[in-house]
Amino acid sequence: MLVIQGANDPRVKKAESDQIVIALRDRKFPVEYLVAPDEGHGFARPVNNMAAFAATEKFLARHLGGRFQESMTPEVTTRLGEITVDPKTVEMPKRVVVV
């Protein structure tokens, strides 16, 4: 599964995507995760869109067969590296119980 999340999304909170990534990872399912810290529900910045499209294209080619365009502009390559999250590093925050 490919999970793409805007960190400022008011509709789908990042914690919900984290939870999905953790559940898949812990069950040994392949999962890829992108988190854009400067986006909300739907990407507005063109460089983030292009990075998400490139990741999606590569993901679909890998899992469904086919090909993808390997070359990207330096800006998109850099941004994709910045927003790609290693699923092994995703943790749920500890719950704090207020009494």
N, C-alpha and C. Protein backbone atom coordinates (compact mmCIF):
# COMPACT_ATOMS: atom_id res chain seq x y z
N MET A 1 0.84 -1.16 0.00
CA MET A 1 0.00 0.00 0.00
C MET A 1 0.90 1.23 0.00
N LEU A 2 0.47 2.24 -0.73
CA LEU A 2 1.14 3.53 -0.73
C LEU A 2 0.24 4.50 0.01
N VAL A 3 0.76 5.10 1.07
CA VAL A 3 0.02 6.06 1.88
C VAL A 3 0.66 7.43 1.65
N ILE A 4 -0.15 8.40 1.23
CA ILE A 4 0.32 9.76 1.00
C ILE A 4 -0.48 10.69 1.89
N GLN A 5 0.21 11.46 2.71
CA GLN A 5 -0.44 12.26 3.76
C GLN A 5 0.08 13.69 3.76
N GLY A 6 -0.82 14.64 3.88
CA GLY A 6 -0.45 16.01 4.18
C GLY A 6 -0.47 16.16 5.69
N ALA A 7 0.62 16.63 6.27
CA ALA A 7 0.73 16.69 7.73
C ALA A 7 -0.29 17.65 8.35
N ASN A 8 -0.77 18.62 7.58
CA ASN A 8 -1.73 19.60 8.10
C ASN A 8 -3.16 19.31 7.67
N ASP A 9 -3.44 18.10 7.31
CA ASP A 9 -4.77 17.72 6.84
C ASP A 9 -5.77 17.78 7.99
N PRO A 10 -6.80 18.64 7.90
CA PRO A 10 -7.78 18.73 8.99
C PRO A 10 -8.82 17.60 8.94
N ARG A 11 -8.92 16.90 7.82
CA ARG A 11 -9.93 15.84 7.67
C ARG A 11 -9.39 14.46 8.02
N VAL A 12 -8.19 14.17 7.53
CA VAL A 12 -7.54 12.89 7.83
C VAL A 12 -6.27 13.23 8.61
N LYS A 13 -6.33 13.04 9.89
CA LYS A 13 -5.19 13.38 10.75
C LYS A 13 -4.01 12.45 10.47
N LYS A 14 -2.82 13.00 10.60
CA LYS A 14 -1.61 12.22 10.35
C LYS A 14 -1.55 10.98 11.24
N ALA A 15 -2.05 11.07 12.45
CA ALA A 15 -2.05 9.92 13.37
C ALA A 15 -2.83 8.74 12.78
N GLU A 16 -3.87 9.04 12.00
CA GLU A 16 -4.65 7.96 11.38
C GLU A 16 -3.82 7.25 10.31
N SER A 17 -3.10 8.02 9.51
CA SER A 17 -2.23 7.41 8.51
C SER A 17 -1.09 6.65 9.17
N ASP A 18 -0.53 7.23 10.23
CA ASP A 18 0.51 6.52 10.98
C ASP A 18 0.00 5.17 11.45
N GLN A 19 -1.21 5.16 11.96
CA GLN A 19 -1.81 3.93 12.49
C GLN A 19 -1.93 2.87 11.38
N ILE A 20 -2.33 3.28 10.19
CA ILE A 20 -2.44 2.35 9.06
C ILE A 20 -1.07 1.80 8.69
N VAL A 21 -0.08 2.69 8.60
CA VAL A 21 1.28 2.28 8.25
C VAL A 21 1.82 1.29 9.28
N ILE A 22 1.62 1.58 10.54
CA ILE A 22 2.10 0.70 11.61
C ILE A 22 1.42 -0.67 11.53
N ALA A 23 0.11 -0.68 11.33
CA ALA A 23 -0.62 -1.95 11.26
C ALA A 23 -0.14 -2.80 10.08
N LEU A 24 0.06 -2.19 8.94
CA LEU A 24 0.54 -2.94 7.77
C LEU A 24 1.97 -3.43 7.99
N ARG A 25 2.81 -2.54 8.48
CA ARG A 25 4.21 -2.89 8.73
C ARG A 25 4.31 -4.06 9.71
N ASP A 26 3.56 -3.99 10.80
CA ASP A 26 3.64 -5.02 11.83
C ASP A 26 3.09 -6.36 11.35
N ARG A 27 2.26 -6.32 10.34
CA ARG A 27 1.73 -7.57 9.75
C ARG A 27 2.54 -8.01 8.54
N LYS A 28 3.68 -7.34 8.33
CA LYS A 28 4.63 -7.70 7.26
C LYS A 28 4.08 -7.45 5.86
N PHE A 29 3.14 -6.52 5.72
CA PHE A 29 2.66 -6.13 4.40
C PHE A 29 3.56 -5.02 3.88
N PRO A 30 3.82 -5.00 2.58
CA PRO A 30 4.64 -3.91 2.04
C PRO A 30 3.87 -2.59 2.11
N VAL A 31 4.52 -1.57 2.62
CA VAL A 31 3.88 -0.27 2.74
C VAL A 31 4.92 0.82 2.48
N GLU A 32 4.51 1.83 1.75
CA GLU A 32 5.35 3.00 1.49
C GLU A 32 4.58 4.20 2.01
N TYR A 33 5.31 5.21 2.50
CA TYR A 33 4.67 6.32 3.20
C TYR A 33 5.32 7.63 2.80
N LEU A 34 4.50 8.57 2.37
CA LEU A 34 4.94 9.92 2.07
C LEU A 34 4.18 10.88 2.97
N VAL A 35 4.88 11.81 3.60
CA VAL A 35 4.24 12.84 4.42
C VAL A 35 4.82 14.19 4.03
N ALA A 36 3.96 15.06 3.50
CA ALA A 36 4.38 16.41 3.16
C ALA A 36 4.03 17.34 4.32
N PRO A 37 5.03 17.89 4.99
CA PRO A 37 4.76 18.70 6.18
C PRO A 37 4.08 20.03 5.88
N ASP A 38 4.10 20.44 4.62
CA ASP A 38 3.54 21.73 4.23
C ASP A 38 2.26 21.61 3.41
N GLU A 39 1.54 20.51 3.56
CA GLU A 39 0.31 20.28 2.81
C GLU A 39 -0.83 19.91 3.74
N GLY A 40 -2.03 20.05 3.21
CA GLY A 40 -3.23 19.68 3.94
C GLY A 40 -3.94 18.55 3.23
N HIS A 41 -5.26 18.67 3.08
CA HIS A 41 -6.07 17.65 2.41
C HIS A 41 -6.06 17.94 0.92
N GLY A 42 -5.13 17.32 0.22
CA GLY A 42 -4.91 17.62 -1.19
C GLY A 42 -3.67 18.49 -1.30
N PHE A 43 -2.78 18.12 -2.17
CA PHE A 43 -1.52 18.85 -2.29
C PHE A 43 -1.71 20.08 -3.17
N ALA A 44 -1.22 21.23 -2.72
CA ALA A 44 -1.33 22.48 -3.46
C ALA A 44 -0.01 22.88 -4.12
N ARG A 45 1.11 22.50 -3.52
CA ARG A 45 2.41 22.88 -4.07
C ARG A 45 2.78 21.95 -5.22
N PRO A 46 3.10 22.52 -6.39
CA PRO A 46 3.43 21.68 -7.56
C PRO A 46 4.56 20.68 -7.32
N VAL A 47 5.60 21.06 -6.58
CA VAL A 47 6.71 20.14 -6.35
C VAL A 47 6.25 18.93 -5.53
N ASN A 48 5.34 19.15 -4.59
CA ASN A 48 4.81 18.02 -3.80
C ASN A 48 3.94 17.13 -4.68
N ASN A 49 3.13 17.73 -5.54
CA ASN A 49 2.31 16.94 -6.47
C ASN A 49 3.18 16.08 -7.36
N MET A 50 4.22 16.68 -7.94
CA MET A 50 5.09 15.92 -8.84
C MET A 50 5.80 14.79 -8.10
N ALA A 51 6.22 15.03 -6.87
CA ALA A 51 6.87 13.99 -6.09
C ALA A 51 5.90 12.85 -5.79
N ALA A 52 4.67 13.20 -5.43
CA ALA A 52 3.65 12.17 -5.16
C ALA A 52 3.31 11.40 -6.44
N PHE A 53 3.21 12.09 -7.56
CA PHE A 53 2.94 11.41 -8.83
C PHE A 53 4.07 10.45 -9.20
N ALA A 54 5.30 10.89 -9.00
CA ALA A 54 6.46 10.04 -9.32
C ALA A 54 6.46 8.79 -8.44
N ALA A 55 6.19 8.97 -7.15
CA ALA A 55 6.15 7.82 -6.23
C ALA A 55 5.01 6.88 -6.60
N THR A 56 3.86 7.43 -6.96
CA THR A 56 2.70 6.62 -7.35
C THR A 56 2.99 5.83 -8.62
N GLU A 57 3.58 6.50 -9.60
CA GLU A 57 3.91 5.84 -10.86
C GLU A 57 4.87 4.67 -10.65
N LYS A 58 5.89 4.89 -9.83
CA LYS A 58 6.87 3.83 -9.54
C LYS A 58 6.21 2.70 -8.75
N PHE A 59 5.37 3.04 -7.79
CA PHE A 59 4.67 2.04 -6.98
C PHE A 59 3.79 1.15 -7.86
N LEU A 60 3.00 1.78 -8.74
CA LEU A 60 2.12 1.01 -9.62
C LEU A 60 2.90 0.14 -10.59
N ALA A 61 3.99 0.66 -11.12
CA ALA A 61 4.82 -0.14 -12.04
C ALA A 61 5.39 -1.35 -11.32
N ARG A 62 5.84 -1.14 -10.09
CA ARG A 62 6.44 -2.24 -9.32
C ARG A 62 5.41 -3.31 -8.97
N HIS A 63 4.21 -2.92 -8.60
CA HIS A 63 3.21 -3.88 -8.11
C HIS A 63 2.25 -4.39 -9.17
N LEU A 64 2.09 -3.64 -10.24
CA LEU A 64 1.17 -4.07 -11.30
C LEU A 64 1.89 -4.44 -12.59
N GLY A 65 3.17 -4.18 -12.63
CA GLY A 65 3.94 -4.43 -13.84
C GLY A 65 3.92 -3.19 -14.71
N GLY A 66 4.87 -3.11 -15.58
CA GLY A 66 4.93 -1.96 -16.46
C GLY A 66 6.18 -1.15 -16.21
N ARG A 67 6.14 0.07 -16.67
CA ARG A 67 7.32 0.91 -16.57
C ARG A 67 6.96 2.25 -15.96
N PHE A 68 7.97 3.00 -15.62
CA PHE A 68 7.78 4.33 -15.07
C PHE A 68 8.93 5.21 -15.52
N GLN A 69 8.71 6.50 -15.49
CA GLN A 69 9.76 7.43 -15.87
C GLN A 69 10.72 7.60 -14.70
N GLU A 70 11.96 7.19 -14.89
CA GLU A 70 12.93 7.25 -13.80
C GLU A 70 13.50 8.65 -13.59
N SER A 71 13.57 9.44 -14.64
CA SER A 71 14.18 10.76 -14.50
C SER A 71 13.17 11.77 -13.94
N MET A 72 13.68 12.64 -13.08
CA MET A 72 12.88 13.71 -12.49
C MET A 72 13.75 14.96 -12.44
N THR A 73 13.11 16.09 -12.27
CA THR A 73 13.90 17.30 -12.09
C THR A 73 14.61 17.20 -10.74
N PRO A 74 15.70 17.91 -10.57
CA PRO A 74 16.40 17.87 -9.28
C PRO A 74 15.50 18.29 -8.12
N GLU A 75 14.61 19.25 -8.34
CA GLU A 75 13.71 19.71 -7.27
C GLU A 75 12.76 18.60 -6.83
N VAL A 76 12.22 17.87 -7.79
CA VAL A 76 11.29 16.78 -7.47
C VAL A 76 12.04 15.63 -6.79
N THR A 77 13.22 15.31 -7.28
CA THR A 77 14.02 14.26 -6.65
C THR A 77 14.32 14.59 -5.20
N THR A 78 14.73 15.84 -4.97
CA THR A 78 15.03 16.29 -3.60
C THR A 78 13.79 16.22 -2.73
N ARG A 79 12.67 16.74 -3.26
CA ARG A 79 11.44 16.77 -2.45
C ARG A 79 10.95 15.37 -2.13
N LEU A 80 11.03 14.47 -3.09
CA LEU A 80 10.60 13.09 -2.84
C LEU A 80 11.43 12.48 -1.72
N GLY A 81 12.72 12.74 -1.71
CA GLY A 81 13.57 12.26 -0.62
C GLY A 81 13.18 12.86 0.72
N GLU A 82 12.77 14.12 0.70
CA GLU A 82 12.41 14.80 1.94
C GLU A 82 11.09 14.31 2.54
N ILE A 83 10.14 13.93 1.68
CA ILE A 83 8.82 13.55 2.19
C ILE A 83 8.62 12.04 2.33
N THR A 84 9.60 11.26 1.91
CA THR A 84 9.51 9.81 2.05
C THR A 84 9.86 9.43 3.49
N VAL A 85 8.98 8.66 4.10
CA VAL A 85 9.15 8.23 5.49
C VAL A 85 9.42 6.73 5.51
N ASP A 86 10.43 6.33 6.24
CA ASP A 86 10.71 4.91 6.42
C ASP A 86 9.66 4.34 7.37
N PRO A 87 8.83 3.40 6.91
CA PRO A 87 7.79 2.84 7.79
C PRO A 87 8.32 2.26 9.10
N LYS A 88 9.58 1.83 9.12
CA LYS A 88 10.15 1.28 10.35
C LYS A 88 10.25 2.33 11.45
N THR A 89 10.28 3.59 11.08
CA THR A 89 10.46 4.67 12.05
C THR A 89 9.15 5.24 12.59
N VAL A 90 8.03 4.80 12.04
CA VAL A 90 6.73 5.37 12.43
C VAL A 90 6.30 4.77 13.76
N GLU A 91 5.95 5.65 14.70
CA GLU A 91 5.49 5.24 16.03
C GLU A 91 4.26 6.04 16.39
N MET A 92 3.39 5.41 17.15
CA MET A 92 2.23 6.13 17.67
C MET A 92 2.65 6.82 18.96
N PRO A 93 2.21 8.06 19.15
CA PRO A 93 2.54 8.74 20.41
C PRO A 93 1.86 8.05 21.58
N LYS A 94 2.50 8.13 22.71
CA LYS A 94 1.93 7.55 23.93
C LYS A 94 0.69 8.34 24.31
N ARG A 95 -0.34 7.63 24.72
CA ARG A 95 -1.55 8.30 25.18
C ARG A 95 -1.34 8.85 26.58
N VAL A 96 -1.81 10.03 26.77
CA VAL A 96 -1.73 10.67 28.09
C VAL A 96 -3.14 10.68 28.68
N VAL A 97 -3.27 10.08 29.83
CA VAL A 97 -4.56 10.03 30.52
C VAL A 97 -4.58 11.14 31.55
N VAL A 98 -5.55 12.04 31.40
CA VAL A 98 -5.69 13.14 32.35
C VAL A 98 -6.80 12.76 33.33
N VAL A 99 -6.48 12.81 34.60
CA VAL A 99 -7.45 12.44 35.63
C VAL A 99 -7.92 13.67 36.37
